[in-house]
Protein backbone atom coordinates (compact mmCIF):
# COMPACT_ATOMS: atom_id res chain seq x y z
CA MET A 1 77.85 104.18 84.15
CA SER A 2 80.10 102.17 86.44
CA GLU A 3 79.12 98.71 87.56
CA GLU A 4 77.92 98.54 91.15
CA ILE A 5 79.62 95.90 93.29
CA LYS A 6 77.56 94.30 96.04
CA THR A 7 79.62 94.52 99.20
CA ASP A 8 78.99 92.75 102.47
CA VAL A 9 81.23 94.92 104.64
CA THR A 10 82.89 98.33 104.23
CA LEU A 11 86.17 99.13 105.98
CA ASP A 12 86.89 102.84 106.36
CA ALA A 13 90.67 103.21 106.27
CA ILE A 14 90.58 106.82 105.08
CA GLY A 15 93.48 108.82 106.47
CA LEU A 16 95.45 105.73 107.53
CA ARG A 17 98.95 105.23 106.13
CA CYS A 18 100.70 102.03 105.05
CA PRO A 19 100.74 99.42 106.56
CA LEU A 20 97.56 100.15 108.56
CA PRO A 21 95.05 99.71 105.68
CA ALA A 22 96.47 96.21 104.99
CA VAL A 23 96.59 95.30 108.69
CA LYS A 24 92.98 96.40 109.22
CA THR A 25 91.93 94.60 106.01
CA ALA A 26 93.45 91.34 107.26
CA MET A 27 91.80 91.70 110.66
CA ARG A 28 88.38 92.50 109.14
CA LEU A 29 88.51 89.60 106.67
CA GLU A 30 89.14 87.20 109.56
CA THR A 31 85.63 87.97 110.85
CA MET A 32 83.96 87.49 107.46
CA ASP A 33 82.58 84.40 105.74
CA THR A 34 84.08 82.86 102.60
CA ASP A 35 82.89 84.58 99.38
CA GLN A 36 81.83 87.76 101.16
CA ILE A 37 83.16 90.98 99.61
CA LEU A 38 84.99 93.64 101.60
CA GLU A 39 85.11 97.20 100.32
CA VAL A 40 88.19 99.04 101.59
CA LEU A 41 88.06 102.85 101.44
CA THR A 42 91.54 104.39 101.59
CA THR A 43 93.36 107.59 100.75
CA ASP A 44 96.75 105.85 100.87
CA SER A 45 97.87 105.38 97.25
CA ILE A 46 100.32 102.64 98.33
CA SER A 47 97.28 100.48 99.13
CA LYS A 48 96.55 100.25 95.37
CA VAL A 49 99.73 98.16 95.09
CA ASP A 50 99.97 96.73 98.60
CA LEU A 51 96.49 95.20 98.89
CA PRO A 52 96.52 93.42 95.47
CA ALA A 53 99.94 91.94 96.38
CA TRP A 54 98.57 90.92 99.79
CA CYS A 55 95.61 89.20 98.11
CA LYS A 56 97.99 87.21 95.91
CA GLU A 57 100.00 86.10 98.96
CA THR A 58 96.97 85.14 101.05
CA GLY A 59 94.78 83.55 98.37
CA ASN A 60 92.03 86.14 98.69
CA GLU A 61 90.56 87.48 95.44
CA LEU A 62 91.08 91.06 94.33
CA VAL A 63 87.79 91.96 92.65
CA THR A 64 88.75 95.46 91.47
CA VAL A 65 90.38 98.74 92.43
CA LYS A 66 88.46 101.96 91.73
CA ASP A 67 90.12 105.37 91.76
CA GLU A 68 87.49 107.84 92.94
CA GLY A 69 89.77 110.89 93.05
CA GLU A 70 91.13 111.24 96.58
CA VAL A 71 89.61 107.94 97.73
CA PHE A 72 90.48 104.52 96.41
CA LYS A 73 87.91 101.74 96.69
CA ILE A 74 89.46 98.28 96.82
CA TYR A 75 87.16 95.26 96.64
CA ILE A 76 88.34 91.92 98.02
CA ARG A 77 86.47 88.61 98.04
CA LYS A 78 87.37 86.43 101.01
CA ARG A 79 88.63 83.02 99.99
């Protein structure tokens, strides 16, 4: 049984290619409050590397990355 993460906002970036998932993630986080969690849904495997690196650069917290087959779920806490 996988642990359920309480998300505040879900961003559907399915079908978008790099760098669009990261760009849309940055734009969406700007509208969110500190400590809220964004769930990013993406089919772009580069996002599994790109978004964690982006979090490190921006000071946002990567909560986890889940591989759900074709879809990757990336959870980011706004800092």
